[in-house]
Amino acid sequence: MQHGHDKYLTASRRVLVVILFLGLSLIVLGGLGFSLIGILRESIGLLEGGQFAARLDQAVERFQWTAIILAAAAAGLAYYAFRLIRIHYERPLKEAGVVIERMSQGDLSQRLPSHWPSGIGDLAAEFNNMAERLQTFTHLSNKMAAGASFEEIFDYIYDSFHQFLPYDRMGVSLIDPEQKTIRAERARSRMSVKLYNGYTLPLSKTSLPKVIESGKPRIINDLQQYLEEHPESESTRLIVEEGMRSSITLPLKVEDRMLGALFFSSRKPNAYDWKHVVFLELAAGSIAPALEKGLLIGDLVLTAIIGFSKLATYRDVETGEHLRRMRRYATALAKEMSTHPPYDEMIDEDFIRDIYYFSPLHDIGKIGIPDRILLKPGRLTPEEFEIMKNHTLIGAQALREAEAEASRLHYSLFKRAIDIAASHHERYDGTGYPLGLKGDEIPLCARIVALADVFDALTSPRPYKPAYSFNEAVKMIVAAKGTHFEPGIVDCFLSALDEFRVIYDAFRESPEPQEAVQLG
């Protein structure tokens, strides 16, 4: 603001001062001219009748006209100066008054004109920038009041703060006070993200608690140098590998509670200065409460999901163990697919999160299956199997009703959960149930869960069959490529076998059986 004011003084006022000085000078010259004319006329009277008198009279007449012209020029310059004053002061002030009045009535979209002359135009630009900030913070507060999710608030900040800060990446990490850890919760970047969601560090191994406690934004304008000085900082190494060269960290505190930190990073070194610190300090009061409320809503949703998934485990202990393993398999497969085309265009962090949250709900409909069928120790008869098939429809309908209730509160929570529950028994060739969907007609989330579900069923003992070994199950999945499972998903499954093996070894129900089938 002060910079614009200085420019205004050196431009507009200096011009006006020069014009007024010239005008006053001409007026003074004109006055002197008329005084001189009077003196000369008296002299002419004394010399009247001579040749000298005639010539002098002619000169006086010429001088008189010159004085008149000078006086007229002075008047013109004075009028022009008055016009400039009106242009530079009166009109802009009137227009500014109208804009400010409309903003005070709640119309935050009002802006000052951009065509004003240099100097006062700079002041208008500063005002408009402040108005943009006010409107952005107000929209953020409105989203919080409307109960927007954590993800929606994060995305709004990422999309709207570019006009105030230079950044190519934005991430948020949250503190778990019970576990005394800080976890990377969400990130968006123009580059490939390597500091992935879920990356967790003990608070004792990071400097962030001190930054958060201070409440002051921290600038690191040379991340490469910082990494050289702190080679143990794994998080810094990862964002440097992403191509980031400078960052500014905004501590997130609500009252006296440390919530976490918001990170803005740029591919350019020395991208941040005191202006960005001032902006973030102003923004902190809106950002931290909005993110906290979004987190609370997310926690409520997660609690509801856990409650749903436990309904099935109360009736079948095997189902509970199956859900835990299958969730890990499905999430590992989705992460692997996100690195392979064409799935990398379809699977983002939100998709992977939904797979993790909602895959345990795939069999929620089994709560509607009679115990004599659900808990039968042997194979089902064809009639019993037809009844068992209904669990896909029962589960999808229960989740649709939950989604309808959430929609009344302007939330959409269970869309992918519905797709998973309804379609995880569909087959790629169209021979599955309940609708006989084929290929891309089957939602992608359901195609992923289908493979994870079958793999865990193959490697787990059941009353009607023994468990297959890990390698036997892999071979059976490959054999179903193009029939039961989408070929591209099977290829990604093979790429993720190491991760599947880790999950299998950690959570299998019994020692791995001897292989009955040799892999070729």
Foldseek 3Di string as FASTA:
>chain_A
DVVLQVFLCVPLVVVLVVLLVLLVVLLVVLVVLVVVLVVLVVVLVVVPPDPVSVVSVVVNVVSNVVSVVSNVVSVVSVVVSVVSCCLQPVVQVVQVVVQVVVVVVPPLVGARDCPRDRSVSVVRVVVRVVSLLVVLLVVLLVCLVLLHALVVSVVSCVVRCVVPAPFFKKWWWWADVVVQKIFTADMDGPFDQDSDGGDMDHVVPDPFVVVLQVQFKDKDQALVVVCVVVVVPPVSVRVVVRQFGIKIKGFADDPNRGTTIMMGTHNHGPRDDVSSRVSSSVSNVRSNSSSVSNVVVVVVLLVVLVVLLVLVCVLPVVLVLLLVLLLLQLLLLLVLQCVDPPCVVVRDPVNSVCSNRQLSLQQSLCSVQDCCLVVPLADDDPVSVVSSLCSLVSSLVVVVVVQVVVVVSPDRRCPVNSLQNNALQAFQCQPGDDPSDHHVSRPPSSLSSNLSSQLSVQQACGSHGGHAANVVSLVVSVVCDPTRHDNVSNVSSVVSVVSSVVSCVVRYPDPGDDHPDDDD
